[in-house]
Amino acid sequence: MLDEDNDSSFLMYVVIAVIGSCILYLIRRYIKGGQFTENVKAKGKVVLVTGASSGIGKQIAKDLNIRGAKVYMLCRSRQRGLDAICDLSSLYGCDSTRLILLEGDLADFSSIHRAVADFNSKEKHLDILINNAGIMFYPKFELTKDGHEMV
């Protein structure tokens, strides 16, 4: 009788552990969100990513470069852009010959025109444009050189 009680309580704990593990797995999967898992190739594609010196832009540049794309990285700071290219090459094995730095500040139209002219002198077309650059938590209202609100 005592062995039967121990067996049933052990079985109950096992069932609770399995159900709890399943619930935790489902919660984790829900919180993680959808993941892109297709093995899409970007070989021969020409891509321009703004804000590519850090964060999401840098990761997008990495992923597209690994998939075979030629990635133009538009960065405000030349040094930060070069550092990003160095990091992507050394840490992730990206092909640095397909990571090209374009220096440009999207808050300055003359800088944008220079970056576009630089791009057009190197390429005939653009397959993918990723507008990633932005300012986070900008504390005050301010205008760009050209009179537009900083956003």
Protein backbone atom coordinates (compact mmCIF):
# COMPACT_ATOMS: atom_id res chain seq x y z
CA MET A 1 0.00 0.00 0.00
CA LEU A 2 2.81 2.41 0.92
CA ASP A 3 4.74 1.58 -2.28
CA GLU A 4 1.62 2.25 -4.32
CA ASP A 5 1.25 5.74 -2.76
CA ASN A 6 4.93 6.52 -3.42
CA ASP A 7 4.59 5.36 -7.04
CA SER A 8 1.49 7.46 -7.65
CA SER A 9 3.00 10.58 -6.04
CA PHE A 10 6.22 10.09 -8.06
CA LEU A 11 4.16 9.73 -11.23
CA MET A 12 2.22 12.88 -10.32
CA TYR A 13 5.50 14.82 -9.92
CA VAL A 14 6.75 13.54 -13.27
CA VAL A 15 3.51 14.59 -15.00
CA ILE A 16 3.65 18.04 -13.35
CA ALA A 17 7.31 18.44 -14.42
CA VAL A 18 6.53 17.45 -18.02
CA ILE A 19 3.50 19.77 -18.23
CA GLY A 20 5.48 22.61 -16.61
CA SER A 21 8.34 22.12 -19.06
CA CYS A 22 5.94 22.19 -22.01
CA ILE A 23 4.32 25.39 -20.72
CA LEU A 24 7.72 27.06 -20.21
CA TYR A 25 8.80 26.00 -23.72
CA LEU A 26 5.63 27.47 -25.25
CA ILE A 27 5.98 30.72 -23.29
CA ARG A 28 9.63 31.04 -24.36
CA ARG A 29 8.74 30.39 -27.98
CA TYR A 30 5.92 32.95 -27.86
CA ILE A 31 8.15 35.63 -26.31
CA LYS A 32 10.98 34.93 -28.77
CA GLY A 33 8.68 35.69 -31.70
CA GLY A 34 8.93 34.54 -35.28
CA GLN A 35 12.32 33.66 -36.66
CA PHE A 36 13.33 33.77 -40.31
CA THR A 37 14.64 30.31 -41.11
CA GLU A 38 14.65 30.14 -44.91
CA ASN A 39 18.01 29.73 -46.59
CA VAL A 40 17.58 32.60 -49.05
CA LYS A 41 20.61 33.49 -51.15
CA ALA A 42 21.46 37.10 -51.99
CA LYS A 43 24.37 36.33 -54.32
CA GLY A 44 24.91 39.15 -56.78
CA LYS A 45 22.44 41.50 -55.09
CA VAL A 46 23.45 45.09 -54.36
CA VAL A 47 22.19 46.31 -50.99
CA LEU A 48 22.41 49.66 -49.20
CA VAL A 49 21.89 49.68 -45.42
CA THR A 50 21.65 52.98 -43.55
CA GLY A 51 22.78 53.09 -39.92
CA ALA A 52 25.01 50.08 -40.52
CA SER A 53 27.80 50.87 -38.06
CA SER A 54 26.00 49.31 -35.08
CA GLY A 55 22.93 47.52 -33.84
CA ILE A 56 20.32 46.12 -36.18
CA GLY A 57 21.88 47.74 -39.26
CA LYS A 58 25.20 46.04 -38.58
CA GLN A 59 23.49 42.67 -38.12
CA ILE A 60 21.50 43.11 -41.33
CA ALA A 61 24.73 43.94 -43.18
CA LYS A 62 26.34 40.82 -41.70
CA ASP A 63 23.47 38.54 -42.65
CA LEU A 64 23.18 39.83 -46.21
CA ASN A 65 26.96 39.67 -46.72
CA ILE A 66 27.03 36.06 -45.52
CA ARG A 67 24.19 35.31 -47.97
CA GLY A 68 26.36 36.65 -50.82
CA ALA A 69 25.21 40.25 -51.27
CA LYS A 70 27.43 43.24 -51.91
CA VAL A 71 26.52 45.52 -49.01
CA TYR A 72 27.01 49.28 -48.99
CA MET A 73 27.06 50.48 -45.38
CA LEU A 74 25.94 54.11 -45.03
CA CYS A 75 27.39 55.45 -41.76
CA ARG A 76 27.70 58.95 -40.29
CA SER A 77 31.17 58.31 -38.91
CA ARG A 78 33.87 56.96 -41.22
CA GLN A 79 35.82 55.50 -38.30
CA ARG A 80 32.79 53.72 -36.80
CA GLY A 81 31.97 52.34 -40.25
CA LEU A 82 35.51 51.02 -40.72
CA ASP A 83 35.40 49.50 -37.22
CA ALA A 84 32.11 47.78 -38.09
CA ILE A 85 33.57 46.34 -41.30
CA CYS A 86 36.62 45.12 -39.36
CA ASP A 87 34.37 43.51 -36.72
CA LEU A 88 32.16 41.83 -39.31
CA SER A 89 35.19 40.44 -41.12
CA SER A 90 37.09 39.21 -38.09
CA LEU A 91 34.24 38.04 -35.83
CA TYR A 92 31.76 36.63 -38.34
CA GLY A 93 33.85 35.80 -41.38
CA CYS A 94 32.17 38.32 -43.67
CA ASP A 95 33.84 39.02 -47.01
CA SER A 96 35.24 42.53 -46.56
CA THR A 97 35.50 42.97 -50.35
CA ARG A 98 31.68 42.95 -50.40
CA LEU A 99 31.32 45.40 -47.48
CA ILE A 100 31.69 48.94 -48.81
CA LEU A 101 31.58 52.01 -46.60
CA LEU A 102 29.63 55.08 -47.66
CA GLU A 103 29.94 58.07 -45.38
CA GLY A 104 26.83 60.18 -45.03
CA ASP A 105 24.61 61.91 -42.51
CA LEU A 106 20.90 61.55 -43.24
CA ALA A 107 20.24 64.82 -41.38
CA ASP A 108 22.16 66.74 -44.08
CA PHE A 109 20.91 66.77 -47.69
CA SER A 110 24.31 67.74 -49.12
CA SER A 111 25.83 64.73 -47.36
CA ILE A 112 23.09 62.51 -48.79
CA HIS A 113 23.75 63.83 -52.30
CA ARG A 114 27.48 63.10 -51.92
CA ALA A 115 26.77 59.54 -50.71
CA VAL A 116 24.34 58.93 -53.60
CA ALA A 117 26.87 60.29 -56.11
CA ASP A 118 29.53 58.02 -54.61
CA PHE A 119 27.19 55.02 -54.84
CA ASN A 120 26.16 55.86 -58.43
CA SER A 121 29.81 56.09 -59.48
CA LYS A 122 30.31 52.49 -58.30
CA GLU A 123 27.00 50.80 -59.18
CA LYS A 124 24.46 50.87 -62.00
CA HIS A 125 21.50 49.68 -59.90
CA LEU A 126 20.33 48.97 -56.35
CA ASP A 127 18.42 45.78 -55.54
CA ILE A 128 17.61 46.36 -51.87
CA LEU A 129 17.45 49.52 -49.74
CA ILE A 130 17.16 49.14 -45.98
CA ASN A 131 16.36 52.43 -44.23
CA ASN A 132 17.53 51.58 -40.74
CA ALA A 133 19.15 54.81 -39.51
CA GLY A 134 17.38 56.72 -36.80
CA ILE A 135 17.80 58.59 -33.55
CA MET A 136 16.61 56.98 -30.33
CA PHE A 137 15.47 58.97 -27.31
CA TYR A 138 16.38 62.36 -28.73
CA PRO A 139 15.79 64.62 -25.70
CA LYS A 140 14.77 67.90 -27.32
CA PHE A 141 13.20 69.39 -30.41
CA GLU A 142 15.90 70.31 -32.89
CA LEU A 143 16.08 71.03 -36.60
CA THR A 144 18.59 69.70 -39.10
CA LYS A 145 20.79 72.00 -41.20
CA ASP A 146 18.07 71.89 -43.85
CA GLY A 147 15.24 72.85 -41.46
CA HIS A 148 13.66 69.44 -40.83
CA GLU A 149 12.80 68.05 -37.40
CA MET A 150 15.28 65.51 -36.00
CA VAL A 151 13.44 62.24 -35.63
